[in-house]
C-alpha atoms as a PDB file:
ATOM      1  CA  MET A   1     -17.394  65.529  -9.805  1.00  0.00           C
ATOM      2  CA  ARG A   2     -16.620  61.990  -8.603  1.00  0.00           C
ATOM      3  CA  SER A   3     -18.531  60.206  -5.580  1.00  0.00           C
ATOM      4  CA  PRO A   4     -16.726  60.222  -2.197  1.00  0.00           C
ATOM      5  CA  THR A   5     -15.988  56.313  -2.731  1.00  0.00           C
ATOM      6  CA  VAL A   6     -14.162  56.905  -6.017  1.00  0.00           C
ATOM      7  CA  ARG A   7     -12.266  59.628  -4.494  1.00  0.00           C
ATOM      8  CA  SER A   8     -11.126  57.846  -1.614  1.00  0.00           C
ATOM      9  CA  ALA A   9     -10.098  54.838  -3.922  1.00  0.00           C
ATOM     10  CA  LEU A  10      -7.920  57.296  -6.032  1.00  0.00           C
ATOM     11  CA  ASN A  11      -6.422  58.867  -2.901  1.00  0.00           C
ATOM     12  CA  LEU A  12      -5.812  55.252  -1.942  1.00  0.00           C
ATOM     13  CA  ILE A  13      -3.488  54.715  -4.963  1.00  0.00           C
ATOM     14  CA  ASN A  14      -2.351  58.385  -5.199  1.00  0.00           C
ATOM     15  CA  ILE A  15      -4.132  59.641  -8.410  1.00  0.00           C
ATOM     16  CA  ASP A  16      -4.602  63.434  -8.369  1.00  0.00           C
ATOM     17  CA  GLU A  17      -8.107  64.302  -9.669  1.00  0.00           C
ATOM     18  CA  SER A  18      -7.586  67.833 -10.141  1.00  0.00           C
ATOM     19  CA  GLY A  19      -7.027  67.429 -13.740  1.00  0.00           C
ATOM     20  CA  PRO A  20      -4.172  68.405 -16.394  1.00  0.00           C
ATOM     21  CA  GLY A  21      -4.529  71.990 -16.132  1.00  0.00           C
ATOM     22  CA  VAL A  22      -4.260  72.620 -12.359  1.00  0.00           C
ATOM     23  CA  ASN A  23      -1.433  70.302 -11.305  1.00  0.00           C
ATOM     24  CA  PRO A  24       0.294  68.432 -13.963  1.00  0.00           C
ATOM     25  CA  ARG A  25       2.189  65.302 -13.151  1.00  0.00           C
ATOM     26  CA  SER A  26       5.185  63.934 -14.877  1.00  0.00           C
ATOM     27  CA  ARG A  27       5.269  60.925 -16.788  1.00  0.00           C
ATOM     28  CA  THR A  28       7.100  59.091 -14.057  1.00  0.00           C
ATOM     29  CA  ASP A  29       4.543  59.949 -11.473  1.00  0.00           C
ATOM     30  CA  ARG A  30       1.906  58.377 -13.517  1.00  0.00           C
ATOM     31  CA  ASN A  31       4.056  55.381 -14.199  1.00  0.00           C
ATOM     32  CA  VAL A  32       4.499  54.984 -10.338  1.00  0.00           C
ATOM     33  CA  THR A  33       0.733  55.279  -9.965  1.00  0.00           C
ATOM     34  CA  PHE A  34      -0.043  52.675 -12.419  1.00  0.00           C
ATOM     35  CA  ALA A  35       2.454  50.290 -11.013  1.00  0.00           C
ATOM     36  CA  ARG A  36       0.452  50.493  -7.603  1.00  0.00           C
ATOM     37  CA  LEU A  37      -2.631  49.957  -9.393  1.00  0.00           C
ATOM     38  CA  GLU A  38      -1.085  47.030 -11.085  1.00  0.00           C
ATOM     39  CA  ARG A  39       0.193  45.837  -7.408  1.00  0.00           C
ATOM     40  CA  VAL A  40      -3.158  46.246  -6.035  1.00  0.00           C
ATOM     41  CA  LEU A  41      -5.044  44.548  -8.619  1.00  0.00           C
ATOM     42  CA  GLY A  42      -2.420  41.615  -8.491  1.00  0.00           C
ATOM     43  CA  LEU A  43      -2.781  41.372  -4.636  1.00  0.00           C
ATOM     44  CA  ALA A  44      -6.716  41.119  -5.215  1.00  0.00           C
ATOM     45  CA  VAL A  45      -6.362  38.285  -8.037  1.00  0.00           C
ATOM     46  CA  ALA A  46      -4.053  36.645  -5.640  1.00  0.00           C
ATOM     47  CA  ALA A  47      -6.306  36.751  -2.767  1.00  0.00           C
ATOM     48  CA  ALA A  48      -9.231  35.461  -5.010  1.00  0.00           C
ATOM     49  CA  LEU A  49      -7.291  32.454  -6.328  1.00  0.00           C
ATOM     50  CA  VAL A  50      -6.139  31.460  -2.633  1.00  0.00           C
ATOM     51  CA  ALA A  51      -9.973  31.873  -1.294  1.00  0.00           C
ATOM     52  CA  ALA A  52     -10.827  29.550  -4.469  1.00  0.00           C
ATOM     53  CA  ALA A  53      -8.131  27.159  -3.711  1.00  0.00           C
ATOM     54  CA  ILE A  54      -9.187  26.738  -0.034  1.00  0.00           C
ATOM     55  CA  ALA A  55     -12.903  26.199  -0.975  1.00  0.00           C
ATOM     56  CA  VAL A  56     -11.690  23.482  -3.339  1.00  0.00           C
ATOM     57  CA  VAL A  57      -9.604  21.742  -0.627  1.00  0.00           C
ATOM     58  CA  ARG A  58     -12.525  21.925   1.850  1.00  0.00           C
ATOM     59  CA  ARG A  59     -14.485  20.152  -0.623  1.00  0.00           C
ATOM     60  CA  MET A  60     -11.864  17.676  -1.310  1.00  0.00           C
ATOM     61  CA  VAL A  61     -11.528  16.725   2.439  1.00  0.00           C
ATOM     62  CA  PRO A  62     -14.416  14.964   4.182  1.00  0.00           C
ATOM     63  CA  ARG A  63     -16.372  16.834   6.482  1.00  0.00           C
ATOM     64  CA  PHE A  64     -17.628  13.744   8.528  1.00  0.00           C
ATOM     65  CA  ALA A  65     -16.412  10.432   9.447  1.00  0.00           C
ATOM     66  CA  GLU A  66     -18.650   7.740  10.267  1.00  0.00           C
ATOM     67  CA  PHE A  67     -17.977   4.255  11.500  1.00  0.00           C
ATOM     68  CA  ASP A  68     -18.769   1.191  13.536  1.00  0.00           C
ATOM     69  CA  GLY A  69     -16.856   0.303  16.437  1.00  0.00           C
ATOM     70  CA  GLN A  70     -16.354  -1.001  19.939  1.00  0.00           C
ATOM     71  CA  VAL A  71     -15.901   1.198  23.199  1.00  0.00           C
ATOM     72  CA  ILE A  72     -12.781  -0.066  24.809  1.00  0.00           C
ATOM     73  CA  ARG A  73     -12.387   2.723  27.323  1.00  0.00           C
ATOM     74  CA  GLN A  74     -14.430   5.355  29.441  1.00  0.00           C
ATOM     75  CA  THR A  75     -12.530   8.011  31.120  1.00  0.00           C
ATOM     76  CA  PHE A  76     -14.223  10.932  33.344  1.00  0.00           C
ATOM     77  CA  ILE A  77     -12.537  14.252  34.124  1.00  0.00           C
ATOM     78  CA  GLU A  78     -13.485  16.293  36.765  1.00  0.00           C
ATOM     79  CA  HIS A  79     -12.936  19.986  36.642  1.00  0.00           C
ATOM     80  CA  ASP A  80     -13.216  22.635  39.314  1.00  0.00           C
ATOM     81  CA  GLU A  81     -14.428  25.642  37.452  1.00  0.00           C
ATOM     82  CA  ASP A  82     -15.095  24.163  33.733  1.00  0.00           C
ATOM     83  CA  PRO A  83     -17.862  21.511  33.116  1.00  0.00           C
ATOM     84  CA  ASP A  84     -16.881  17.902  33.644  1.00  0.00           C
ATOM     85  CA  GLU A  85     -15.570  16.207  30.606  1.00  0.00           C
ATOM     86  CA  TYR A  86     -16.974  12.698  29.505  1.00  0.00           C
ATOM     87  CA  ARG A  87     -14.735  10.577  27.039  1.00  0.00           C
ATOM     88  CA  VAL A  88     -15.004   7.222  25.449  1.00  0.00           C
ATOM     89  CA  VAL A  89     -12.138   5.437  23.310  1.00  0.00           C
ATOM     90  CA  VAL A  90     -13.720   3.805  20.354  1.00  0.00           C
ATOM     91  CA  ASP A  91     -11.851   0.985  18.277  1.00  0.00           C
ATOM     92  CA  ASP A  92     -12.972   1.237  14.726  1.00  0.00           C
ATOM     93  CA  GLY A  93     -10.911  -1.859  13.728  1.00  0.00           C
ATOM     94  CA  ALA A  94      -9.523   0.144  10.615  1.00  0.00           C
ATOM     95  CA  ARG A  95      -7.066   2.675  11.765  1.00  0.00           C
ATOM     96  CA  PRO A  96      -4.012   1.866  13.774  1.00  0.00           C
ATOM     97  CA  THR A  97      -5.140   4.285  16.725  1.00  0.00           C
ATOM     98  CA  ALA A  98      -8.476   4.327  18.288  1.00  0.00           C
ATOM     99  CA  TRP A  99     -10.909   7.389  18.408  1.00  0.00           C
ATOM    100  CA  ASP A 100     -10.862   9.429  21.496  1.00  0.00           C
ATOM    101  CA  LEU A 101     -14.238  11.167  21.620  1.00  0.00           C
ATOM    102  CA  ARG A 102     -15.844  13.698  23.920  1.00  0.00           C
ATOM    103  CA  VAL A 103     -19.445  12.774  24.663  1.00  0.00           C
ATOM    104  CA  ALA A 104     -22.566  14.066  26.602  1.00  0.00           C
ATOM    105  CA  ALA A 105     -22.979  12.676  30.282  1.00  0.00           C
ATOM    106  CA  GLU A 106     -26.230  10.843  28.965  1.00  0.00           C
ATOM    107  CA  SER A 107     -24.229   9.069  26.083  1.00  0.00           C
ATOM    108  CA  TRP A 108     -21.451   8.155  28.437  1.00  0.00           C
ATOM    109  CA  ARG A 109     -23.663   6.207  30.820  1.00  0.00           C
ATOM    110  CA  LEU A 110     -24.830   4.359  27.824  1.00  0.00           C
ATOM    111  CA  LEU A 111     -21.611   3.435  26.733  1.00  0.00           C
ATOM    112  CA  PRO A 112     -19.664   0.871  29.013  1.00  0.00           C
ATOM    113  CA  PRO A 113     -16.433  -0.845  27.578  1.00  0.00           C
ATOM    114  CA  GLY A 114     -17.366  -3.503  25.115  1.00  0.00           C
ATOM    115  CA  THR A 115     -20.450  -1.793  23.714  1.00  0.00           C
ATOM    116  CA  PHE A 116     -20.635  -2.105  19.905  1.00  0.00           C
ATOM    117  CA  VAL A 117     -21.390   1.703  18.714  1.00  0.00           C
ATOM    118  CA  HIS A 118     -22.277   3.478  15.529  1.00  0.00           C
ATOM    119  CA  ALA A 119     -20.492   6.963  15.567  1.00  0.00           C
ATOM    120  CA  ARG A 120     -20.327  10.003  13.355  1.00  0.00           C
ATOM    121  CA  VAL A 121     -17.786  12.682  13.809  1.00  0.00           C
ATOM    122  CA  ASN A 122     -17.720  16.213  12.271  1.00  0.00           C
ATOM    123  CA  LEU A 123     -13.961  16.759  11.427  1.00  0.00           C
ATOM    124  CA  HIS A 124     -13.966  20.441  11.602  1.00  0.00           C
ATOM    125  CA  ASN A 125     -15.239  20.975  15.072  1.00  0.00           C
ATOM    126  CA  ARG A 126     -15.081  17.288  16.460  1.00  0.00           C
ATOM    127  CA  GLU A 127     -18.904  17.307  17.314  1.00  0.00           C
ATOM    128  CA  VAL A 128     -19.958  13.662  18.126  1.00  0.00           C
ATOM    129  CA  THR A 129     -23.183  11.590  17.451  1.00  0.00           C
ATOM    130  CA  ILE A 130     -22.722   8.160  18.948  1.00  0.00           C
ATOM    131  CA  HIS A 131     -25.391   5.595  19.529  1.00  0.00           C
ATOM    132  CA  PRO A 132     -24.950   1.986  20.966  1.00  0.00           C
ATOM    133  CA  VAL A 133     -25.767  -0.742  18.368  1.00  0.00           C
ATOM    134  CA  GLU A 134     -25.990  -3.639  20.760  1.00  0.00           C
ATOM    135  CA  PRO A 135     -25.381  -4.046  24.662  1.00  0.00           C
ATOM    136  CA  PRO A 136     -21.853  -5.084  25.650  1.00  0.00           C
ATOM    137  CA  ALA A 137     -20.870  -8.611  25.578  1.00  0.00           C
ATOM    138  CA  VAL A 138     -21.122 -10.084  28.973  1.00  0.00           C
ATOM    139  CA  SER A 139     -21.156 -13.781  29.950  1.00  0.00           C
ATOM    140  CA  ARG A 140     -24.532 -15.529  30.950  1.00  0.00           C
ATOM    141  CA  PRO A 141     -25.277 -15.638  34.514  1.00  0.00           C
ATOM    142  CA  LEU A 142     -23.922 -18.736  36.307  1.00  0.00           C
ATOM    143  CA  ALA A 143     -26.153 -21.329  37.814  1.00  0.00           C
ATOM    144  CA  ASP A 144     -27.491 -21.021  41.210  1.00  0.00           C
ATOM    145  CA  PRO A 145     -24.394 -22.345  43.266  1.00  0.00           C
ATOM    146  CA  GLY A 146     -26.558 -24.063  45.855  1.00  0.00           C
ATOM    147  CA  VAL A 147     -27.919 -26.716  43.452  1.00  0.00           C
ATOM    148  CA  GLN A 148     -25.816 -29.956  43.484  1.00  0.00           C
ATOM    149  CA  PHE A 149     -23.964 -30.371  40.308  1.00  0.00           C
ATOM    150  CA  ASP A 150     -25.094 -33.430  38.014  1.00  0.00           C
ATOM    151  CA  PRO A 151     -22.495 -34.266  35.378  1.00  0.00           C
ATOM    152  CA  ARG A 152     -25.056 -36.259  33.499  1.00  0.00           C
ATOM    153  CA  GLY A 153     -26.958 -33.247  32.517  1.00  0.00           C
ATOM    154  CA  PRO A 154     -29.711 -31.179  33.918  1.00  0.00           C
ATOM    155  CA  GLY A 155     -32.255 -33.902  33.843  1.00  0.00           C
ATOM    156  CA  GLY A 156     -30.113 -36.633  35.092  1.00  0.00           C
ATOM    157  CA  LEU A 157     -30.686 -40.342  33.737  1.00  0.00           C
ATOM    158  CA  ARG A 158     -34.218 -40.761  32.783  1.00  0.00           C
ATOM    159  CA  GLY A 159     -34.224 -44.803  33.148  1.00  0.00           C
ATOM    160  CA  PRO A 160     -32.344 -47.850  32.546  1.00  0.00           C
ATOM    161  CA  ASP A 161     -32.201 -47.321  28.581  1.00  0.00           C
ATOM    162  CA  ASP A 162     -30.781 -43.900  29.018  1.00  0.00           C
ATOM    163  CA  GLN A 163     -27.457 -45.527  30.008  1.00  0.00           C
ATOM    164  CA  PRO A 164     -24.603 -44.145  27.714  1.00  0.00           C
ATOM    165  CA  GLU A 165     -22.848 -46.380  25.192  1.00  0.00           C
ATOM    166  CA  PRO A 166     -19.871 -48.116  26.597  1.00  0.00           C
ATOM    167  CA  ILE A 167     -16.482 -47.260  24.856  1.00  0.00           C
ATOM    168  CA  ARG A 168     -15.111 -50.288  22.905  1.00  0.00           C
END
């Protein structure tokens, strides 16, 4: 007697397990049964090959993109029902288009336009890790506007020997 699993598998491919004396099958029925078995085995082998090909392709395609770049824009999208969306656009200088990345609110506040960043992006689920490398480039504060401007420099002339040389 066969186990229930084997019986269900045999019923799936229409093999009668009653034996040769009880219900004999013609030779054509057996050929049809073996043709079905070959088809099932062929499909199983094809599925295994497709799974192996997908695994190889996933290993060939990079999983992460890691780059240095500069934030060129911040955007904030307010949603009524969904959580708010914080995004930064980073130019890495290598691609023709910039990276549009969704970041956490804490990171967004640290990334004003002009900030140089180091980013790592998971290409399969778009998770982002982004850290500022240096603060944004801004000009130094201007001098106190109430101070009289001296074109000779901050110390002015120090004495009669500090006269500039005449142009000849």
